[in-house]
Amino acid sequence: MIKRVDHVSIVVESTEEALKLFRDVLGARVVATQSYEKYSHEWTIMDIGTGAQLELLEPWRGSGGVSDQFLTRHGEGVHHVTLETSDVRDSIARLESVGIEPFHTDLSDPTWQETFIHPRQSHGVLYQLVERTH
């Protein structure tokens, strides 16, 4: 079911400040940045040399987007952990078979199909399960 940790997403007040630690001190390499209007945040992906990545989410303050709400409620920190699965539909069925209700499922893009497990049903951590084509 789980193939690997794909990435860990961290909500930050300032990407530039966060890069001082992750890039400048710890040696992560920025591989992509983008304004992501759908979720009202700036998005930065960093390669950490293990096959997994770190994702920085800097919300557009006052937007009411998911990362903005998270920052307001919790401050900076880990938002979610993304686990790559070989078959997201099978993962959804397995979760549902034990009473776990995935949410925000999006299977419309054949290159990135995803669902989430709410922290109330996953020991306090928001998980994103993704099936992707590389």
N, C-alpha and C. Protein backbone atom coordinates (compact mmCIF):
# COMPACT_ATOMS: atom_id res chain seq x y z
N MET A 1 0.83 -1.19 0.00
CA MET A 1 0.00 0.00 0.00
C MET A 1 0.87 1.26 0.00
N ILE A 2 1.66 1.51 1.03
CA ILE A 2 2.53 2.69 1.04
C ILE A 2 3.85 2.33 0.37
N LYS A 3 4.24 3.15 -0.60
CA LYS A 3 5.52 2.95 -1.28
C LYS A 3 6.64 3.73 -0.60
N ARG A 4 6.33 4.98 -0.20
CA ARG A 4 7.38 5.82 0.38
C ARG A 4 6.76 7.11 0.90
N VAL A 5 7.53 7.84 1.69
CA VAL A 5 7.16 9.21 2.05
C VAL A 5 7.50 10.08 0.84
N ASP A 6 6.52 10.77 0.31
CA ASP A 6 6.73 11.64 -0.84
C ASP A 6 7.25 13.00 -0.37
N HIS A 7 6.52 13.63 0.54
CA HIS A 7 6.97 14.91 1.07
C HIS A 7 6.30 15.22 2.40
N VAL A 8 6.91 16.15 3.10
CA VAL A 8 6.35 16.72 4.33
C VAL A 8 6.10 18.19 4.05
N SER A 9 4.88 18.65 4.32
CA SER A 9 4.50 20.04 4.07
C SER A 9 4.53 20.84 5.36
N ILE A 10 5.18 21.99 5.29
CA ILE A 10 5.36 22.84 6.46
C ILE A 10 4.79 24.22 6.12
N VAL A 11 3.87 24.70 6.94
CA VAL A 11 3.33 26.05 6.77
C VAL A 11 4.29 27.02 7.47
N VAL A 12 4.67 28.06 6.74
CA VAL A 12 5.62 29.04 7.28
C VAL A 12 5.08 30.46 7.09
N GLU A 13 5.50 31.36 7.97
CA GLU A 13 5.17 32.78 7.84
C GLU A 13 5.87 33.37 6.62
N SER A 14 7.15 32.97 6.43
CA SER A 14 7.97 33.55 5.37
C SER A 14 8.85 32.47 4.76
N THR A 15 8.67 32.25 3.47
CA THR A 15 9.51 31.29 2.78
C THR A 15 10.98 31.70 2.85
N GLU A 16 11.25 32.97 2.64
CA GLU A 16 12.64 33.44 2.66
C GLU A 16 13.30 33.16 4.01
N GLU A 17 12.58 33.37 5.09
CA GLU A 17 13.14 33.07 6.42
C GLU A 17 13.36 31.57 6.59
N ALA A 18 12.40 30.77 6.14
CA ALA A 18 12.52 29.31 6.25
C ALA A 18 13.69 28.79 5.42
N LEU A 19 13.93 29.40 4.26
CA LEU A 19 15.03 28.95 3.40
C LEU A 19 16.39 29.20 4.05
N LYS A 20 16.46 30.17 4.94
CA LYS A 20 17.73 30.40 5.65
C LYS A 20 18.13 29.16 6.44
N LEU A 21 17.16 28.44 6.97
CA LEU A 21 17.45 27.19 7.68
C LEU A 21 17.59 26.03 6.69
N PHE A 22 16.55 25.76 5.93
CA PHE A 22 16.51 24.53 5.13
C PHE A 22 17.52 24.53 3.98
N ARG A 23 17.66 25.64 3.29
CA ARG A 23 18.59 25.72 2.15
C ARG A 23 19.99 26.11 2.61
N ASP A 24 20.09 27.22 3.31
CA ASP A 24 21.40 27.80 3.61
C ASP A 24 22.16 27.03 4.68
N VAL A 25 21.47 26.51 5.68
CA VAL A 25 22.15 25.81 6.77
C VAL A 25 22.14 24.29 6.55
N LEU A 26 20.97 23.74 6.20
CA LEU A 26 20.84 22.29 6.12
C LEU A 26 21.10 21.72 4.73
N GLY A 27 21.21 22.57 3.72
CA GLY A 27 21.61 22.12 2.40
C GLY A 27 20.52 21.59 1.49
N ALA A 28 19.25 21.82 1.83
CA ALA A 28 18.19 21.41 0.91
C ALA A 28 18.29 22.23 -0.37
N ARG A 29 17.88 21.63 -1.47
CA ARG A 29 17.98 22.28 -2.78
C ARG A 29 16.58 22.61 -3.29
N VAL A 30 16.32 23.89 -3.55
CA VAL A 30 15.02 24.31 -4.08
C VAL A 30 14.89 23.79 -5.51
N VAL A 31 13.81 23.06 -5.78
CA VAL A 31 13.60 22.51 -7.12
C VAL A 31 12.39 23.12 -7.82
N ALA A 32 11.50 23.77 -7.06
CA ALA A 32 10.33 24.39 -7.69
C ALA A 32 9.72 25.41 -6.74
N THR A 33 9.24 26.49 -7.33
CA THR A 33 8.45 27.47 -6.59
C THR A 33 7.29 27.87 -7.47
N GLN A 34 6.18 28.21 -6.83
CA GLN A 34 5.00 28.54 -7.61
C GLN A 34 3.99 29.25 -6.72
N SER A 35 3.25 30.19 -7.30
CA SER A 35 2.07 30.75 -6.65
C SER A 35 0.93 29.79 -6.97
N TYR A 36 0.25 29.32 -5.95
CA TYR A 36 -0.78 28.31 -6.14
C TYR A 36 -2.13 28.91 -5.77
N GLU A 37 -2.78 29.48 -6.76
CA GLU A 37 -4.02 30.23 -6.53
C GLU A 37 -5.12 29.36 -5.94
N LYS A 38 -5.20 28.10 -6.34
CA LYS A 38 -6.26 27.22 -5.85
C LYS A 38 -6.28 27.16 -4.32
N TYR A 39 -5.09 27.20 -3.70
CA TYR A 39 -5.01 27.11 -2.24
C TYR A 39 -4.53 28.40 -1.59
N SER A 40 -4.35 29.45 -2.36
CA SER A 40 -3.97 30.77 -1.85
C SER A 40 -2.67 30.75 -1.04
N HIS A 41 -1.65 30.15 -1.65
CA HIS A 41 -0.34 30.19 -1.00
C HIS A 41 0.80 30.11 -2.02
N GLU A 42 1.97 30.49 -1.54
CA GLU A 42 3.21 30.29 -2.29
C GLU A 42 3.72 28.91 -1.91
N TRP A 43 4.27 28.22 -2.89
CA TRP A 43 4.63 26.81 -2.73
C TRP A 43 6.09 26.66 -3.15
N THR A 44 6.89 26.06 -2.28
CA THR A 44 8.30 25.81 -2.58
C THR A 44 8.61 24.36 -2.26
N ILE A 45 9.17 23.65 -3.23
CA ILE A 45 9.57 22.25 -3.03
C ILE A 45 11.09 22.20 -2.94
N MET A 46 11.56 21.44 -1.96
CA MET A 46 13.00 21.27 -1.76
C MET A 46 13.37 19.79 -1.75
N ASP A 47 14.40 19.45 -2.48
CA ASP A 47 14.96 18.11 -2.48
C ASP A 47 15.88 17.99 -1.29
N ILE A 48 15.71 16.92 -0.52
CA ILE A 48 16.58 16.71 0.64
C ILE A 48 17.49 15.49 0.46
N GLY A 49 17.55 14.99 -0.77
CA GLY A 49 18.52 13.96 -1.10
C GLY A 49 18.17 12.56 -0.70
N THR A 50 16.93 12.31 -0.30
CA THR A 50 16.54 10.97 0.14
C THR A 50 15.46 10.35 -0.74
N GLY A 51 15.03 11.10 -1.74
CA GLY A 51 13.87 10.69 -2.53
C GLY A 51 12.61 11.34 -2.01
N ALA A 52 12.64 11.80 -0.76
CA ALA A 52 11.52 12.57 -0.21
C ALA A 52 11.85 14.05 -0.34
N GLN A 53 10.82 14.87 -0.20
CA GLN A 53 11.03 16.31 -0.32
C GLN A 53 10.36 17.04 0.84
N LEU A 54 10.78 18.28 1.03
CA LEU A 54 10.10 19.18 1.94
C LEU A 54 9.33 20.19 1.09
N GLU A 55 8.14 20.54 1.53
CA GLU A 55 7.30 21.49 0.83
C GLU A 55 6.99 22.63 1.80
N LEU A 56 7.35 23.84 1.41
CA LEU A 56 7.02 25.01 2.22
C LEU A 56 5.76 25.66 1.65
N LEU A 57 4.82 25.97 2.52
CA LEU A 57 3.59 26.63 2.14
C LEU A 57 3.53 27.96 2.88
N GLU A 58 3.62 29.04 2.13
CA GLU A 58 3.49 30.38 2.71
C GLU A 58 2.13 30.93 2.29
N PRO A 59 1.19 31.02 3.24
CA PRO A 59 -0.15 31.44 2.88
C PRO A 59 -0.23 32.91 2.48
N TRP A 60 -1.20 33.19 1.64
CA TRP A 60 -1.54 34.57 1.36
C TRP A 60 -2.37 35.03 2.54
N ARG A 61 -1.76 35.81 3.43
CA ARG A 61 -2.40 36.21 4.68
C ARG A 61 -3.74 36.90 4.41
N GLY A 62 -4.72 36.48 5.19
CA GLY A 62 -6.06 37.02 5.07
C GLY A 62 -6.89 36.39 3.97
N SER A 63 -6.34 35.41 3.27
CA SER A 63 -7.06 34.78 2.15
C SER A 63 -8.13 33.81 2.62
N GLY A 64 -7.98 33.29 3.83
CA GLY A 64 -8.92 32.27 4.30
C GLY A 64 -8.65 30.90 3.73
N GLY A 65 -7.55 30.76 2.96
CA GLY A 65 -7.18 29.46 2.41
C GLY A 65 -6.76 28.49 3.51
N VAL A 66 -6.62 27.24 3.17
CA VAL A 66 -6.31 26.19 4.14
C VAL A 66 -5.03 26.50 4.92
N SER A 67 -3.97 26.88 4.22
CA SER A 67 -2.71 27.15 4.92
C SER A 67 -2.80 28.43 5.76
N ASP A 68 -3.57 29.41 5.32
CA ASP A 68 -3.79 30.63 6.09
C ASP A 68 -4.55 30.29 7.38
N GLN A 69 -5.56 29.48 7.28
CA GLN A 69 -6.31 29.05 8.47
C GLN A 69 -5.41 28.28 9.42
N PHE A 70 -4.58 27.40 8.87
CA PHE A 70 -3.66 26.62 9.70
C PHE A 70 -2.72 27.54 10.46
N LEU A 71 -2.11 28.50 9.76
CA LEU A 71 -1.16 29.41 10.38
C LEU A 71 -1.84 30.23 11.48
N THR A 72 -3.05 30.68 11.23
CA THR A 72 -3.78 31.46 12.23
C THR A 72 -4.07 30.63 13.47
N ARG A 73 -4.47 29.39 13.29
CA ARG A 73 -4.85 28.52 14.42
C ARG A 73 -3.66 27.90 15.15
N HIS A 74 -2.64 27.52 14.41
CA HIS A 74 -1.57 26.71 15.00
C HIS A 74 -0.19 27.35 14.95
N GLY A 75 -0.02 28.39 14.17
CA GLY A 75 1.31 28.94 13.95
C GLY A 75 2.06 28.08 12.94
N GLU A 76 3.33 28.37 12.77
CA GLU A 76 4.14 27.61 11.81
C GLU A 76 4.27 26.15 12.27
N GLY A 77 4.40 25.26 11.29
CA GLY A 77 4.63 23.87 11.64
C GLY A 77 4.22 22.92 10.54
N VAL A 78 4.38 21.64 10.85
CA VAL A 78 4.04 20.59 9.88
C VAL A 78 2.53 20.61 9.64
N HIS A 79 2.17 20.70 8.38
CA HIS A 79 0.76 20.70 7.99
C HIS A 79 0.29 19.30 7.65
N HIS A 80 1.04 18.60 6.79
CA HIS A 80 0.67 17.23 6.45
C HIS A 80 1.88 16.44 5.97
N VAL A 81 1.71 15.13 5.99
CA VAL A 81 2.70 14.19 5.47
C VAL A 81 2.06 13.47 4.29
N THR A 82 2.77 13.47 3.16
CA THR A 82 2.25 12.83 1.96
C THR A 82 2.93 11.49 1.76
N LEU A 83 2.12 10.46 1.67
CA LEU A 83 2.60 9.10 1.46
C LEU A 83 2.20 8.66 0.06
N GLU A 84 3.17 8.19 -0.69
CA GLU A 84 2.87 7.68 -2.02
C GLU A 84 2.39 6.24 -1.91
N THR A 85 1.32 5.96 -2.64
CA THR A 85 0.76 4.62 -2.66
C THR A 85 0.73 4.12 -4.10
N SER A 86 0.75 2.83 -4.27
CA SER A 86 0.73 2.28 -5.62
C SER A 86 -0.67 2.30 -6.23
N ASP A 87 -1.71 2.40 -5.39
CA ASP A 87 -3.08 2.36 -5.89
C ASP A 87 -3.97 3.14 -4.91
N VAL A 88 -4.23 4.40 -5.23
CA VAL A 88 -4.98 5.24 -4.29
C VAL A 88 -6.43 4.75 -4.13
N ARG A 89 -7.01 4.22 -5.19
CA ARG A 89 -8.39 3.71 -5.07
C ARG A 89 -8.43 2.53 -4.10
N ASP A 90 -7.45 1.65 -4.18
CA ASP A 90 -7.37 0.54 -3.24
C ASP A 90 -7.16 1.06 -1.82
N SER A 91 -6.32 2.07 -1.68
CA SER A 91 -6.08 2.65 -0.35
C SER A 91 -7.38 3.22 0.23
N ILE A 92 -8.17 3.90 -0.61
CA ILE A 92 -9.44 4.45 -0.17
C ILE A 92 -10.37 3.33 0.29
N ALA A 93 -10.46 2.27 -0.49
CA ALA A 93 -11.33 1.14 -0.14
C ALA A 93 -10.87 0.51 1.17
N ARG A 94 -9.58 0.35 1.36
CA ARG A 94 -9.06 -0.24 2.60
C ARG A 94 -9.37 0.63 3.80
N LEU A 95 -9.21 1.95 3.64
CA LEU A 95 -9.55 2.87 4.73
C LEU A 95 -11.03 2.76 5.08
N GLU A 96 -11.87 2.83 4.05
CA GLU A 96 -13.31 2.77 4.28
C GLU A 96 -13.73 1.44 4.92
N SER A 97 -13.03 0.37 4.61
CA SER A 97 -13.38 -0.94 5.16
C SER A 97 -13.18 -1.02 6.67
N VAL A 98 -12.37 -0.10 7.21
CA VAL A 98 -12.15 -0.08 8.66
C VAL A 98 -12.77 1.17 9.31
N GLY A 99 -13.66 1.83 8.56
CA GLY A 99 -14.40 2.95 9.12
C GLY A 99 -13.71 4.30 9.04
N ILE A 100 -12.63 4.40 8.30
CA ILE A 100 -11.95 5.68 8.12
C ILE A 100 -12.48 6.32 6.85
N GLU A 101 -12.95 7.55 6.97
CA GLU A 101 -13.54 8.25 5.84
C GLU A 101 -12.55 9.24 5.23
N PRO A 102 -11.93 8.91 4.10
CA PRO A 102 -11.05 9.86 3.43
C PRO A 102 -11.84 11.08 2.97
N PHE A 103 -11.15 12.21 2.80
CA PHE A 103 -11.82 13.43 2.35
C PHE A 103 -10.94 14.17 1.36
N HIS A 104 -11.51 15.16 0.70
CA HIS A 104 -10.85 15.94 -0.35
C HIS A 104 -10.19 15.01 -1.38
N THR A 105 -10.90 13.97 -1.74
CA THR A 105 -10.40 13.04 -2.75
C THR A 105 -10.50 13.69 -4.12
N ASP A 106 -9.41 13.60 -4.88
CA ASP A 106 -9.40 14.14 -6.24
C ASP A 106 -8.69 13.13 -7.14
N LEU A 107 -9.46 12.47 -7.98
CA LEU A 107 -8.93 11.45 -8.89
C LEU A 107 -8.97 11.92 -10.34
N SER A 108 -9.16 13.23 -10.55
CA SER A 108 -9.36 13.76 -11.90
C SER A 108 -8.08 13.85 -12.73
N ASP A 109 -6.93 13.94 -12.09
CA ASP A 109 -5.66 14.07 -12.81
C ASP A 109 -4.95 12.72 -12.78
N PRO A 110 -4.77 12.07 -13.93
CA PRO A 110 -4.14 10.74 -13.92
C PRO A 110 -2.69 10.76 -13.45
N THR A 111 -2.05 11.92 -13.42
CA THR A 111 -0.65 11.98 -12.98
C THR A 111 -0.51 12.23 -11.48
N TRP A 112 -1.61 12.64 -10.82
CA TRP A 112 -1.57 12.94 -9.38
C TRP A 112 -2.97 12.75 -8.82
N GLN A 113 -3.23 11.58 -8.25
CA GLN A 113 -4.53 11.29 -7.65
C GLN A 113 -4.34 11.23 -6.15
N GLU A 114 -5.27 11.90 -5.41
CA GLU A 114 -5.02 12.07 -3.99
C GLU A 114 -6.27 11.94 -3.15
N THR A 115 -6.04 11.66 -1.89
CA THR A 115 -7.07 11.73 -0.86
C THR A 115 -6.38 12.05 0.45
N PHE A 116 -7.16 12.44 1.43
CA PHE A 116 -6.60 12.81 2.73
C PHE A 116 -7.25 12.00 3.84
N ILE A 117 -6.51 11.81 4.91
CA ILE A 117 -7.02 11.19 6.13
C ILE A 117 -6.97 12.26 7.22
N HIS A 118 -8.12 12.51 7.83
CA HIS A 118 -8.22 13.56 8.84
C HIS A 118 -7.43 13.17 10.10
N PRO A 119 -6.79 14.15 10.74
CA PRO A 119 -6.02 13.86 11.96
C PRO A 119 -6.84 13.17 13.05
N ARG A 120 -8.15 13.42 13.10
CA ARG A 120 -8.98 12.74 14.11
C ARG A 120 -9.00 11.22 13.90
N GLN A 121 -8.71 10.79 12.68
CA GLN A 121 -8.73 9.36 12.40
C GLN A 121 -7.33 8.80 12.14
N SER A 122 -6.29 9.61 12.37
CA SER A 122 -4.93 9.14 12.07
C SER A 122 -3.92 9.63 13.12
N HIS A 123 -4.35 9.55 14.37
CA HIS A 123 -3.44 9.80 15.49
C HIS A 123 -2.83 11.20 15.48
N GLY A 124 -3.64 12.18 15.09
CA GLY A 124 -3.23 13.58 15.19
C GLY A 124 -2.45 14.13 14.02
N VAL A 125 -2.27 13.35 12.96
CA VAL A 125 -1.50 13.80 11.79
C VAL A 125 -2.41 13.80 10.57
N LEU A 126 -2.36 14.89 9.78
CA LEU A 126 -3.06 14.93 8.50
C LEU A 126 -2.19 14.21 7.47
N TYR A 127 -2.74 13.17 6.86
CA TYR A 127 -2.02 12.44 5.82
C TYR A 127 -2.68 12.68 4.47
N GLN A 128 -1.85 12.84 3.47
CA GLN A 128 -2.28 12.87 2.08
C GLN A 128 -1.75 11.59 1.46
N LEU A 129 -2.63 10.83 0.85
CA LEU A 129 -2.22 9.64 0.10
C LEU A 129 -2.28 9.98 -1.37
N VAL A 130 -1.21 9.66 -2.09
CA VAL A 130 -1.14 10.05 -3.48
C VAL A 130 -0.64 8.89 -4.33
N GLU A 131 -1.27 8.75 -5.49
CA GLU A 131 -0.77 7.86 -6.54
C GLU A 131 -0.32 8.78 -7.65
N ARG A 132 0.94 8.65 -8.05
CA ARG A 132 1.46 9.56 -9.06
C ARG A 132 2.19 8.78 -10.14
N THR A 133 2.24 9.39 -11.31
CA THR A 133 3.09 8.84 -12.37
C THR A 133 4.30 9.75 -12.44
N HIS A 134 5.43 9.16 -12.55
CA HIS A 134 6.69 9.94 -12.55
C HIS A 134 7.13 10.26 -13.94
